[in-house]
Amino acid sequence: MVRRMTKTEEGDLLSQNMPPRSDGDRSILLGVDVGTTNVKVLALTPDGEVVAQAKEHLSSPIVDGLRVEFDAEEWWTALIRALRKLGGTVLDRAEAICVGGQGPSLVLVDRQGKPVRRSIIWMDRRAVREAEELSKLVGKSVDPYVLEAKLLWLMRNEPEVLARASIVLNAYGFISYRLTGRATLGLIQDGYYPWWSTPYLNPAHLEAMGFPLNLLPDFLEIGKVIGNVSNEASRETGLPTDCLVVQGLTDFWHDIIGAGVVRKGRALDHGGTSQGFDLCWDSPIEDPEGRVMTTKHVVKGSWNISGIMSTTGAILRWFRDNLGAEEVERARQLGRDPYDLLCELASEAPPGSNGLIVLPYFAGERSPVWDPMARGVIFGITLNHRKSHLTRAILEATAYGLCHIKEIIEEIGGRVQELRSVGGQSKSDLWCQIKADVLNVPVLRLAVEATEPLGAAITAGVGSGHFRNLEEASDQVVKIAKTFHPDEEHHRAYRGYYEVYKRLYPALKDLFRAPYYA
């Protein structure tokens, strides 16, 4: 049964957020990331040692134009399999677990806690009209991917579905609910509900639009204790019933924590299916044009200046699936990752790909143009271009997009001293070096690749009292594996190509909306 916690119960649980321990015990802190392609789990000791990791692959989302959906039950079954891979020795020592993940991905459950429809995941952009109405309400540009827009779309287009729902959750909230029986949505800080922040939901906005607020769960600040693992969840997962479940957030916040982007001037490049750019800063700097976002940081007194791109790594996957059959087959024969072979292929082309430029708006775009109608472009192709040029141009497109966001942030007063790269893209030396050359800042690869579950495990440690706060915990746990320094000659070459990149969208924007095209 779905339930909310009473104030008395909540107070009892919050009292378990103890001062840092000094007993040197060997308990285990578990972090979970519910991603788009995998569910990952990581086991961390309180002294910062990663003792085990596991992941379970997820099936592909169901895509129909602007609509992108997924079966939420698969997240739960994948988590069970991933936890069992860690082994009983690890699970028996689990003192706390924190779950984060993709977002904003909407899950509606009934009174028995079962989803009433497939999850509308973060990539879904159907709620264009609702986003436009919310934009007028809040006085800022609102993208169709936010939870508010999705909920309003459901209210208007599937009222019978909404009538069967008992509570609104997101992807990681659904898993925490399954673990505890308590329904929650995470907050950066108590009472902080900007639309562009986790959980992309403001009760005041929904109330103004006529959405029933009784469907909203408890809102809980990151690092607070949700509850203990229930008896039923213990039987399914192998976790002990005295294991605390700690409130998590959207994966990009756990990336920030797990990458140590908790000090002024440090920036983060989340390089996966999509892309995120986050700068830790000591004051709120606003972009009057709304191209990038400013929100409070999970570190008290700091601010996060950010931009998010819709499809970057997804484009390389598209290339692999449609044009990379040779590399896929060769990788199978060699027992290697086809993405490694694609990056080797890209290294055969020179910086700038001989003038071939990709506009990476293959599923609309968020920062900095915020246009669901934007489309991808392969510009400047000639008979002299080869497969290697196109592959490299896809990698460079990600770097150009990051540079565009960085340039806007520095225009409004921020400054990027270093870029910490995480996600699948960070495994490629070439991709990291391209980013360093285009952005002209050092790019740092981290010792632990899986920063989302690492950040979640760190959060579990804060919630259970092993760490005093998130910033001290990150500084203690996070280590750097390799630094990529900019090549001045390459940076000079990239500047001209980057200027062309920036001019492509304004030149084509109206054509994306042409009746004969749309």
Protein backbone atom coordinates (compact mmCIF):
# COMPACT_ATOMS: atom_id res chain seq x y z
CA MET A 1 0.00 0.00 0.00
CA VAL A 2 1.17 3.52 -0.77
CA ARG A 3 1.44 5.67 2.31
CA ARG A 4 2.73 8.99 3.54
CA MET A 5 4.66 9.25 6.77
CA THR A 6 3.35 11.07 9.81
CA LYS A 7 5.35 13.94 11.29
CA THR A 8 6.13 11.83 14.36
CA GLU A 9 7.49 8.97 12.27
CA GLU A 10 9.50 11.39 10.15
CA GLY A 11 11.00 13.01 13.22
CA ASP A 12 12.01 9.62 14.60
CA LEU A 13 13.73 8.74 11.34
CA LEU A 14 15.48 12.07 10.91
CA SER A 15 16.96 11.65 14.38
CA GLN A 16 18.91 8.75 12.91
CA ASN A 17 21.04 11.22 10.91
CA MET A 18 23.80 10.92 13.47
CA PRO A 19 27.15 12.73 13.80
CA PRO A 20 29.99 11.15 11.82
CA ARG A 21 31.08 7.78 13.19
CA SER A 22 34.60 7.06 14.30
CA ASP A 23 34.27 3.40 15.20
CA GLY A 24 35.97 2.21 12.00
CA ASP A 25 33.29 -0.35 11.30
CA ARG A 26 33.10 -2.11 7.94
CA SER A 27 29.46 -1.55 7.14
CA ILE A 28 28.41 -1.11 3.51
CA LEU A 29 26.80 1.94 1.91
CA LEU A 30 24.87 1.14 -1.28
CA GLY A 31 24.21 3.56 -4.13
CA VAL A 32 21.73 2.87 -6.92
CA ASP A 33 21.26 4.64 -10.24
CA VAL A 34 18.13 3.95 -12.28
CA GLY A 35 19.40 4.98 -15.70
CA THR A 36 17.98 4.96 -19.22
CA THR A 37 20.00 1.96 -20.38
CA ASN A 38 21.14 0.32 -17.12
CA VAL A 39 20.39 0.01 -13.43
CA LYS A 40 23.71 0.31 -11.57
CA VAL A 41 24.58 -0.47 -7.96
CA LEU A 42 27.79 0.30 -6.07
CA ALA A 43 28.96 -0.79 -2.62
CA LEU A 44 31.14 1.66 -0.66
CA THR A 45 32.79 1.34 2.73
CA PRO A 46 32.69 4.35 5.08
CA ASP A 47 36.43 4.86 4.52
CA GLY A 48 35.82 5.39 0.79
CA GLU A 49 36.70 2.00 -0.70
CA VAL A 50 34.51 0.74 -3.54
CA VAL A 51 34.19 -2.98 -2.81
CA ALA A 52 31.67 -4.09 -5.44
CA GLN A 53 29.72 -2.88 -8.45
CA ALA A 54 27.05 -4.42 -10.66
CA LYS A 55 24.65 -3.39 -13.38
CA GLU A 56 21.68 -4.75 -15.27
CA HIS A 57 20.86 -3.74 -18.81
CA LEU A 58 17.39 -2.35 -19.54
CA SER A 59 15.35 -2.84 -22.68
CA SER A 60 14.96 0.12 -25.02
CA PRO A 61 12.19 2.64 -24.33
CA ILE A 62 9.09 2.62 -26.53
CA VAL A 63 9.38 5.58 -28.89
CA ASP A 64 6.55 7.02 -30.97
CA GLY A 65 7.43 10.44 -32.31
CA LEU A 66 7.63 12.82 -29.35
CA ARG A 67 6.35 10.08 -27.00
CA VAL A 68 8.89 7.98 -25.09
CA GLU A 69 7.69 5.46 -22.48
CA PHE A 70 9.04 2.59 -20.36
CA ASP A 71 7.70 -0.18 -18.13
CA ALA A 72 8.53 0.91 -14.56
CA GLU A 73 8.34 -2.66 -13.26
CA GLU A 74 11.48 -3.46 -15.23
CA TRP A 75 13.45 -0.98 -13.09
CA TRP A 76 12.50 -2.95 -9.97
CA THR A 77 13.31 -6.38 -11.40
CA ALA A 78 16.61 -5.09 -12.79
CA LEU A 79 17.54 -3.72 -9.36
CA ILE A 80 16.84 -7.09 -7.74
CA ARG A 81 19.13 -8.82 -10.24
CA ALA A 82 21.86 -6.21 -9.82
CA LEU A 83 21.77 -6.43 -6.02
CA ARG A 84 22.01 -10.21 -6.14
CA LYS A 85 25.14 -9.89 -8.28
CA LEU A 86 26.81 -8.11 -5.35
CA GLY A 87 26.43 -11.25 -3.28
CA GLY A 88 25.04 -12.04 0.14
CA THR A 89 28.21 -11.03 2.00
CA VAL A 90 27.88 -7.46 0.74
CA LEU A 91 24.11 -7.26 1.15
CA ASP A 92 24.22 -8.62 4.70
CA ARG A 93 26.49 -5.71 5.68
CA ALA A 94 24.32 -3.06 3.99
CA GLU A 95 23.58 -0.33 6.53
CA ALA A 96 22.08 2.23 4.17
CA ILE A 97 21.00 2.50 0.54
CA CYS A 98 20.22 5.57 -1.55
CA VAL A 99 18.48 5.49 -4.94
CA GLY A 100 18.74 8.13 -7.65
CA GLY A 101 18.25 8.06 -11.37
CA GLN A 102 16.93 9.42 -14.62
CA GLY A 103 14.50 12.26 -14.59
CA PRO A 104 12.08 13.72 -14.84
CA SER A 105 10.41 10.37 -15.55
CA LEU A 106 6.82 10.06 -14.39
CA VAL A 107 5.35 6.98 -12.67
CA LEU A 108 1.72 6.82 -11.51
CA VAL A 109 0.80 4.01 -9.12
CA ASP A 110 -2.53 2.79 -7.73
CA ARG A 111 -3.46 2.04 -4.11
CA GLN A 112 -1.60 -1.28 -4.30
CA GLY A 113 1.51 0.50 -5.56
CA LYS A 114 1.27 -0.89 -9.09
CA PRO A 115 1.88 1.39 -12.08
CA VAL A 116 -1.37 2.34 -13.83
CA ARG A 117 0.40 2.98 -17.14
CA ARG A 118 3.89 2.94 -18.61
CA SER A 119 6.25 5.58 -17.27
CA ILE A 120 6.52 8.73 -19.38
CA ILE A 121 10.28 9.14 -19.25
CA TRP A 122 12.49 12.21 -19.41
CA MET A 123 13.01 12.03 -23.19
CA ASP A 124 9.28 12.43 -23.83
CA ARG A 125 8.37 15.83 -25.35
CA ARG A 126 4.64 15.47 -26.07
CA ALA A 127 3.49 18.14 -23.59
CA VAL A 128 4.37 21.10 -25.82
CA ARG A 129 1.11 22.99 -25.24
CA GLU A 130 1.21 22.44 -21.49
CA ALA A 131 4.82 23.66 -21.36
CA GLU A 132 3.83 26.83 -23.20
CA GLU A 133 1.05 27.48 -20.67
CA LEU A 134 3.42 26.88 -17.77
CA SER A 135 5.91 29.27 -19.35
CA LYS A 136 3.29 32.01 -19.22
CA LEU A 137 2.43 31.11 -15.63
CA VAL A 138 6.00 31.20 -14.26
CA GLY A 139 7.45 33.85 -16.57
CA LYS A 140 10.28 31.57 -17.73
CA SER A 141 10.71 29.16 -20.62
CA VAL A 142 9.45 25.73 -19.52
CA ASP A 143 10.43 22.66 -21.53
CA PRO A 144 7.95 19.85 -22.28
CA TYR A 145 10.17 17.34 -20.48
CA VAL A 146 9.36 18.63 -16.95
CA LEU A 147 7.10 16.62 -14.66
CA GLU A 148 4.57 19.43 -14.38
CA ALA A 149 3.97 19.48 -18.13
CA LYS A 150 3.65 15.67 -18.23
CA LEU A 151 1.10 15.69 -15.39
CA LEU A 152 -0.99 18.38 -17.03
CA TRP A 153 -0.93 16.48 -20.31
CA LEU A 154 -2.23 13.37 -18.53
CA MET A 155 -4.93 15.36 -16.76
CA ARG A 156 -6.24 16.60 -20.10
CA ASN A 157 -5.62 13.61 -22.34
CA GLU A 158 -5.88 10.55 -20.09
CA PRO A 159 -8.24 11.52 -17.24
CA GLU A 160 -9.32 7.90 -16.81
CA VAL A 161 -5.70 6.94 -16.11
CA LEU A 162 -5.28 9.74 -13.60
CA ALA A 163 -8.50 8.62 -11.89
CA ARG A 164 -6.94 5.20 -11.20
CA ALA A 165 -3.78 6.71 -9.73
CA SER A 166 -3.16 7.06 -6.01
CA ILE A 167 0.23 8.78 -6.02
CA VAL A 168 2.71 10.52 -8.35
CA LEU A 169 6.30 9.27 -8.34
CA ASN A 170 9.39 9.49 -10.49
CA ALA A 171 11.77 6.70 -11.51
CA TYR A 172 13.98 6.64 -8.44
CA GLY A 173 11.07 7.50 -6.13
CA PHE A 174 9.28 4.42 -7.44
CA ILE A 175 12.22 2.24 -6.37
CA SER A 176 12.52 3.89 -2.94
CA TYR A 177 8.79 3.37 -2.50
CA ARG A 178 9.15 -0.32 -3.38
CA LEU A 179 11.91 -0.62 -0.79
CA THR A 180 10.04 1.11 2.05
CA GLY A 181 6.34 1.47 1.24
CA ARG A 182 6.71 5.25 1.63
CA ALA A 183 6.15 7.53 -1.37
CA THR A 184 8.55 10.49 -1.68
CA LEU A 185 10.04 12.94 -4.15
CA GLY A 186 13.48 14.37 -3.46
CA LEU A 187 14.35 18.03 -2.96
CA ILE A 188 17.71 19.79 -3.13
CA GLN A 189 16.75 21.66 0.03
CA ASP A 190 13.60 21.67 2.12
CA GLY A 191 10.85 23.87 0.69
CA TYR A 192 12.76 24.62 -2.53
CA TYR A 193 10.57 23.98 -5.59
CA PRO A 194 11.85 25.84 -8.70
CA TRP A 195 10.58 24.17 -11.86
CA TRP A 196 14.07 23.75 -13.30
CA SER A 197 15.26 21.96 -10.20
CA THR A 198 14.71 18.47 -8.87
CA PRO A 199 12.00 17.24 -8.94
CA TYR A 200 10.89 19.61 -11.70
CA LEU A 201 7.67 20.07 -9.82
CA ASN A 202 6.08 22.92 -7.87
CA PRO A 203 2.78 22.25 -6.08
CA ALA A 204 1.76 25.90 -6.48
CA HIS A 205 2.03 25.65 -10.26
CA LEU A 206 -0.04 22.48 -10.37
CA GLU A 207 -2.69 23.92 -8.10
CA ALA A 208 -2.98 26.97 -10.34
CA MET A 209 -3.54 24.67 -13.32
CA GLY A 210 -6.19 22.59 -11.54
CA PHE A 211 -4.15 19.45 -10.86
CA PRO A 212 -5.26 17.42 -7.79
CA LEU A 213 -2.56 17.93 -5.15
CA ASN A 214 -3.69 14.89 -3.17
CA LEU A 215 -1.76 12.79 -5.71
CA LEU A 216 1.57 14.32 -4.66
CA PRO A 217 3.80 12.30 -2.29
CA ASP A 218 5.96 13.51 0.60
CA PHE A 219 8.73 15.90 -0.41
CA LEU A 220 12.00 15.07 1.33
CA GLU A 221 15.43 16.71 1.24
CA ILE A 222 18.36 14.72 -0.13
CA GLY A 223 20.16 12.76 2.56
CA LYS A 224 17.16 12.40 4.87
CA VAL A 225 16.01 8.94 5.89
CA ILE A 226 12.88 7.67 4.12
CA GLY A 227 12.52 4.52 6.20
CA ASN A 228 13.80 0.97 6.57
CA VAL A 229 13.69 -1.79 4.00
CA SER A 230 10.32 -3.52 4.36
CA ASN A 231 9.92 -7.22 5.04
CA GLU A 232 8.60 -7.81 1.52
CA ALA A 233 11.41 -5.85 -0.10
CA SER A 234 13.95 -7.69 2.04
CA ARG A 235 12.67 -11.03 0.76
CA GLU A 236 12.89 -9.86 -2.85
CA THR A 237 16.22 -8.03 -2.72
CA GLY A 238 18.22 -9.74 0.02
CA LEU A 239 18.72 -6.45 1.87
CA PRO A 240 18.37 -6.61 5.67
CA THR A 241 15.28 -4.99 7.22
CA ASP A 242 17.44 -2.71 9.39
CA CYS A 243 19.00 -1.17 6.25
CA LEU A 244 18.09 2.51 6.04
CA VAL A 245 16.74 3.91 2.76
CA VAL A 246 18.02 7.46 2.26
CA GLN A 247 16.44 10.06 0.00
CA GLY A 248 18.18 10.50 -3.33
CA LEU A 249 17.81 12.81 -6.32
CA THR A 250 17.99 12.88 -10.09
CA ASP A 251 21.14 11.25 -11.45
CA PHE A 252 22.86 14.50 -12.38
CA TRP A 253 22.95 15.53 -8.71
CA HIS A 254 24.51 12.22 -7.77
CA ASP A 255 26.98 12.71 -10.62
CA ILE A 256 27.89 16.08 -9.08
CA ILE A 257 28.42 14.52 -5.66
CA GLY A 258 30.23 11.46 -7.03
CA ALA A 259 32.54 13.63 -9.15
CA GLY A 260 33.41 16.02 -6.34
CA VAL A 261 31.96 19.09 -8.06
CA VAL A 262 31.32 20.65 -4.67
CA ARG A 263 33.76 23.60 -4.78
CA LYS A 264 33.64 26.92 -6.66
CA GLY A 265 34.91 26.77 -10.25
CA ARG A 266 34.66 23.02 -10.67
CA ALA A 267 32.41 21.99 -13.55
CA LEU A 268 30.95 18.66 -14.53
CA ASP A 269 30.35 17.11 -17.94
CA HIS A 270 27.78 14.31 -17.69
CA GLY A 271 28.42 12.40 -20.89
CA GLY A 272 25.92 9.65 -21.51
CA THR A 273 22.85 9.26 -23.70
CA SER A 274 22.27 12.96 -23.11
CA GLN A 275 24.58 15.63 -21.74
CA GLY A 276 24.67 17.86 -18.70
CA PHE A 277 26.99 20.73 -17.78
CA ASP A 278 27.12 21.94 -14.18
CA LEU A 279 29.26 24.61 -12.54
CA CYS A 280 29.56 24.97 -8.78
CA TRP A 281 29.51 28.69 -7.94
CA ASP A 282 29.33 30.76 -4.77
CA SER A 283 26.52 33.10 -5.85
CA PRO A 284 23.33 32.94 -7.94
CA ILE A 285 24.08 34.24 -11.44
CA GLU A 286 21.03 34.40 -13.70
CA ASP A 287 20.83 34.32 -17.48
CA PRO A 288 18.18 36.90 -18.47
CA GLU A 289 17.55 34.96 -21.69
CA GLY A 290 16.91 31.67 -19.87
CA ARG A 291 19.47 29.72 -21.90
CA VAL A 292 21.07 28.16 -18.82
CA MET A 293 19.65 27.49 -15.38
CA THR A 294 20.58 28.60 -11.88
CA THR A 295 19.48 26.67 -8.82
CA LYS A 296 20.63 26.07 -5.30
CA HIS A 297 23.32 23.44 -4.96
CA VAL A 298 23.04 20.40 -2.72
CA VAL A 299 25.99 22.01 -0.89
CA LYS A 300 24.49 24.68 1.36
CA GLY A 301 25.59 28.18 0.37
CA SER A 302 26.60 27.19 -3.17
CA TRP A 303 24.74 27.44 -6.47
CA ASN A 304 24.60 25.23 -9.53
CA ILE A 305 24.75 26.90 -12.94
CA SER A 306 23.80 24.38 -15.58
CA GLY A 307 22.76 23.45 -19.07
CA ILE A 308 21.38 20.19 -20.42
CA MET A 309 21.50 18.75 -23.93
CA SER A 310 19.01 16.16 -25.17
CA THR A 311 21.01 13.86 -27.45
CA THR A 312 24.78 13.50 -27.61
CA GLY A 313 25.87 9.95 -26.80
CA ALA A 314 22.55 8.87 -28.28
CA ILE A 315 23.78 10.12 -31.66
CA LEU A 316 26.85 7.89 -31.53
CA ARG A 317 24.52 4.99 -30.67
CA TRP A 318 22.34 5.95 -33.66
CA PHE A 319 25.46 5.96 -35.82
CA ARG A 320 26.52 2.56 -34.45
CA ASP A 321 23.09 1.01 -35.06
CA ASN A 322 22.60 2.41 -38.56
CA LEU A 323 26.06 2.93 -40.03
CA GLY A 324 28.41 0.99 -37.78
CA ALA A 325 27.66 -2.63 -38.70
CA GLU A 326 31.29 -3.22 -39.67
CA GLU A 327 32.57 -1.97 -36.30
CA VAL A 328 29.92 -3.91 -34.39
CA GLU A 329 30.87 -7.16 -36.13
CA ARG A 330 34.60 -6.56 -35.71
CA ALA A 331 34.07 -5.74 -32.04
CA ARG A 332 32.16 -9.00 -31.61
CA GLN A 333 35.01 -10.96 -33.16
CA LEU A 334 37.63 -9.22 -31.04
CA GLY A 335 35.60 -9.24 -27.83
CA ARG A 336 35.73 -5.45 -27.63
CA ASP A 337 33.26 -2.60 -27.23
CA PRO A 338 32.10 -1.26 -30.63
CA TYR A 339 32.25 2.28 -29.22
CA ASP A 340 36.00 1.85 -28.72
CA LEU A 341 36.38 0.94 -32.37
CA LEU A 342 34.25 3.92 -33.43
CA CYS A 343 36.48 6.26 -31.40
CA GLU A 344 39.56 4.68 -33.00
CA LEU A 345 37.96 5.33 -36.37
CA ALA A 346 37.31 8.95 -35.40
CA SER A 347 40.96 9.41 -34.47
CA GLU A 348 41.87 8.92 -38.14
CA ALA A 349 40.23 12.28 -38.99
CA PRO A 350 41.87 15.62 -38.14
CA PRO A 351 40.51 18.15 -35.59
CA GLY A 352 37.52 19.86 -37.19
CA SER A 353 36.76 16.82 -39.41
CA ASN A 354 37.74 18.79 -42.52
CA GLY A 355 34.82 21.18 -42.02
CA LEU A 356 32.14 18.56 -41.32
CA ILE A 357 29.92 19.84 -38.49
CA VAL A 358 27.05 18.02 -36.77
CA LEU A 359 24.26 19.93 -35.03
CA PRO A 360 23.32 17.44 -32.28
CA TYR A 361 19.60 18.24 -32.01
CA PHE A 362 18.38 14.76 -32.98
CA ALA A 363 15.46 14.84 -30.52
CA GLY A 364 14.88 18.56 -30.15
CA GLU A 365 17.16 20.45 -27.82
CA ARG A 366 17.18 21.85 -24.34
CA SER A 367 20.07 24.18 -23.42
CA PRO A 368 20.72 26.65 -24.79
CA VAL A 369 17.94 26.88 -27.45
CA TRP A 370 15.06 25.12 -25.63
CA ASP A 371 13.32 24.06 -28.81
CA PRO A 372 11.52 20.69 -29.07
CA MET A 373 11.19 21.25 -32.83
CA ALA A 374 14.94 21.57 -33.44
CA ARG A 375 16.46 18.81 -35.54
CA GLY A 376 19.89 17.35 -36.20
CA VAL A 377 22.02 18.56 -39.09
CA ILE A 378 25.09 17.16 -40.84
CA PHE A 379 26.60 20.26 -42.40
CA GLY A 380 29.39 20.73 -44.92
CA ILE A 381 29.65 17.18 -46.21
CA THR A 382 31.54 16.63 -49.45
CA LEU A 383 32.69 13.71 -51.58
CA ASN A 384 36.04 13.92 -49.81
CA HIS A 385 34.58 13.08 -46.41
CA ARG A 386 34.83 9.55 -45.10
CA LYS A 387 33.22 7.57 -42.34
CA SER A 388 35.99 8.61 -39.97
CA HIS A 389 35.15 12.31 -40.49
CA LEU A 390 31.49 11.79 -39.66
CA THR A 391 32.34 9.74 -36.58
CA ARG A 392 34.71 12.44 -35.31
CA ALA A 393 32.20 15.18 -36.15
CA ILE A 394 29.69 13.47 -33.83
CA LEU A 395 32.23 13.56 -30.99
CA GLU A 396 33.06 17.17 -31.76
CA ALA A 397 29.36 18.13 -31.79
CA THR A 398 29.15 17.18 -28.12
CA ALA A 399 32.15 19.38 -27.35
CA TYR A 400 30.70 22.29 -29.35
CA GLY A 401 27.44 22.00 -27.42
CA LEU A 402 29.29 22.01 -24.10
CA CYS A 403 31.36 24.98 -25.23
CA HIS A 404 28.16 26.86 -26.15
CA ILE A 405 26.84 26.35 -22.60
CA LYS A 406 30.21 27.23 -21.02
CA GLU A 407 30.42 30.41 -23.10
CA ILE A 408 26.99 31.55 -21.91
CA ILE A 409 27.80 30.80 -18.26
CA GLU A 410 31.00 32.83 -18.49
CA GLU A 411 29.11 35.61 -20.27
CA ILE A 412 26.84 36.00 -17.20
CA GLY A 413 29.66 35.94 -14.66
CA GLY A 414 30.78 32.36 -14.00
CA ARG A 415 34.21 30.89 -14.62
CA VAL A 416 35.15 27.30 -15.35
CA GLN A 417 38.52 26.25 -13.93
CA GLU A 418 38.29 22.55 -14.73
CA LEU A 419 35.83 20.13 -16.30
CA ARG A 420 35.33 16.75 -14.64
CA SER A 421 34.04 14.24 -17.18
CA VAL A 422 31.82 11.32 -16.19
CA GLY A 423 29.68 8.75 -17.95
CA GLY A 424 30.43 6.53 -20.91
CA GLN A 425 32.03 9.33 -22.91
CA SER A 426 34.73 9.80 -20.26
CA LYS A 427 36.18 6.37 -21.09
CA SER A 428 37.40 7.64 -24.48
CA ASP A 429 40.77 9.44 -24.42
CA LEU A 430 39.94 10.99 -27.78
CA TRP A 431 36.56 12.34 -26.68
CA CYS A 432 38.07 13.79 -23.48
CA GLN A 433 40.89 15.42 -25.45
CA ILE A 434 38.45 16.89 -27.99
CA LYS A 435 36.49 18.46 -25.14
CA ALA A 436 39.67 19.88 -23.59
CA ASP A 437 40.73 21.32 -26.96
CA VAL A 438 37.36 22.84 -27.83
CA LEU A 439 36.57 24.25 -24.36
CA ASN A 440 40.21 25.18 -23.61
CA VAL A 441 40.12 23.88 -20.03
CA PRO A 442 41.62 20.78 -18.39
CA VAL A 443 39.33 17.75 -18.54
CA LEU A 444 39.62 15.35 -15.60
CA ARG A 445 38.73 11.67 -15.70
CA LEU A 446 37.75 10.18 -12.36
CA ALA A 447 39.07 6.99 -10.78
CA VAL A 448 35.54 5.64 -10.30
CA GLU A 449 33.63 5.75 -13.56
CA ALA A 450 30.18 5.09 -12.08
CA THR A 451 29.75 8.46 -10.39
CA GLU A 452 25.94 8.29 -10.22
CA PRO A 453 25.81 5.27 -7.88
CA LEU A 454 28.96 6.52 -6.13
CA GLY A 455 27.22 9.83 -5.40
CA ALA A 456 24.19 7.91 -4.18
CA ALA A 457 26.38 5.78 -1.90
CA ILE A 458 28.02 8.93 -0.51
CA THR A 459 24.53 10.29 0.16
CA ALA A 460 23.65 7.06 1.94
CA GLY A 461 26.71 7.63 4.10
CA VAL A 462 25.56 11.13 5.01
CA GLY A 463 22.06 9.91 5.83
CA SER A 464 23.37 7.14 8.06
CA GLY A 465 25.83 9.40 9.87
CA HIS A 466 29.14 8.15 8.47
CA PHE A 467 29.92 11.50 6.82
CA ARG A 468 29.26 14.98 8.20
CA ASN A 469 28.02 16.47 4.93
CA LEU A 470 28.11 15.94 1.16
CA GLU A 471 31.06 18.20 0.38
CA GLU A 472 33.40 16.68 2.97
CA ALA A 473 32.31 13.20 1.91
CA SER A 474 32.98 13.93 -1.78
CA ASP A 475 36.39 15.42 -1.04
CA GLN A 476 37.28 12.31 0.96
CA VAL A 477 36.03 9.69 -1.50
CA VAL A 478 36.51 11.12 -5.02
CA LYS A 479 39.87 10.55 -6.77
CA ILE A 480 41.24 11.74 -10.15
CA ALA A 481 42.64 9.15 -12.59
CA LYS A 482 43.86 11.26 -15.53
CA THR A 483 43.96 14.89 -16.71
CA PHE A 484 43.68 15.98 -20.36
CA HIS A 485 45.23 19.39 -21.03
CA PRO A 486 44.17 21.57 -23.99
CA ASP A 487 46.29 21.58 -27.13
CA GLU A 488 46.68 25.24 -28.13
CA GLU A 489 47.03 24.51 -31.85
CA HIS A 490 43.92 22.35 -31.89
CA HIS A 491 41.98 24.93 -29.90
CA ARG A 492 42.80 27.62 -32.46
CA ALA A 493 41.59 25.35 -35.26
CA TYR A 494 38.37 24.55 -33.45
CA ARG A 495 37.44 28.19 -32.87
CA GLY A 496 36.48 28.74 -36.50
CA TYR A 497 34.43 25.56 -36.74
CA TYR A 498 32.71 26.40 -33.46
CA GLU A 499 31.61 29.79 -34.78
CA VAL A 500 29.97 28.04 -37.75
CA TYR A 501 28.32 25.59 -35.34
CA LYS A 502 26.73 28.47 -33.40
CA ARG A 503 25.29 30.01 -36.57
CA LEU A 504 23.60 26.84 -37.83
CA TYR A 505 20.57 26.77 -35.52
CA PRO A 506 19.56 30.45 -35.97
CA ALA A 507 19.89 30.00 -39.73
CA LEU A 508 17.67 26.88 -39.76
CA LYS A 509 15.22 27.51 -36.92
CA ASP A 510 12.33 28.65 -39.10
CA LEU A 511 12.80 25.75 -41.53
CA PHE A 512 12.27 23.25 -38.69
CA ARG A 513 8.75 24.67 -38.41
CA ALA A 514 7.93 24.87 -42.10
CA PRO A 515 4.56 23.16 -42.86
CA TYR A 516 5.99 21.01 -45.61
CA TYR A 517 8.75 19.88 -43.24
CA ALA A 518 6.87 19.39 -39.97
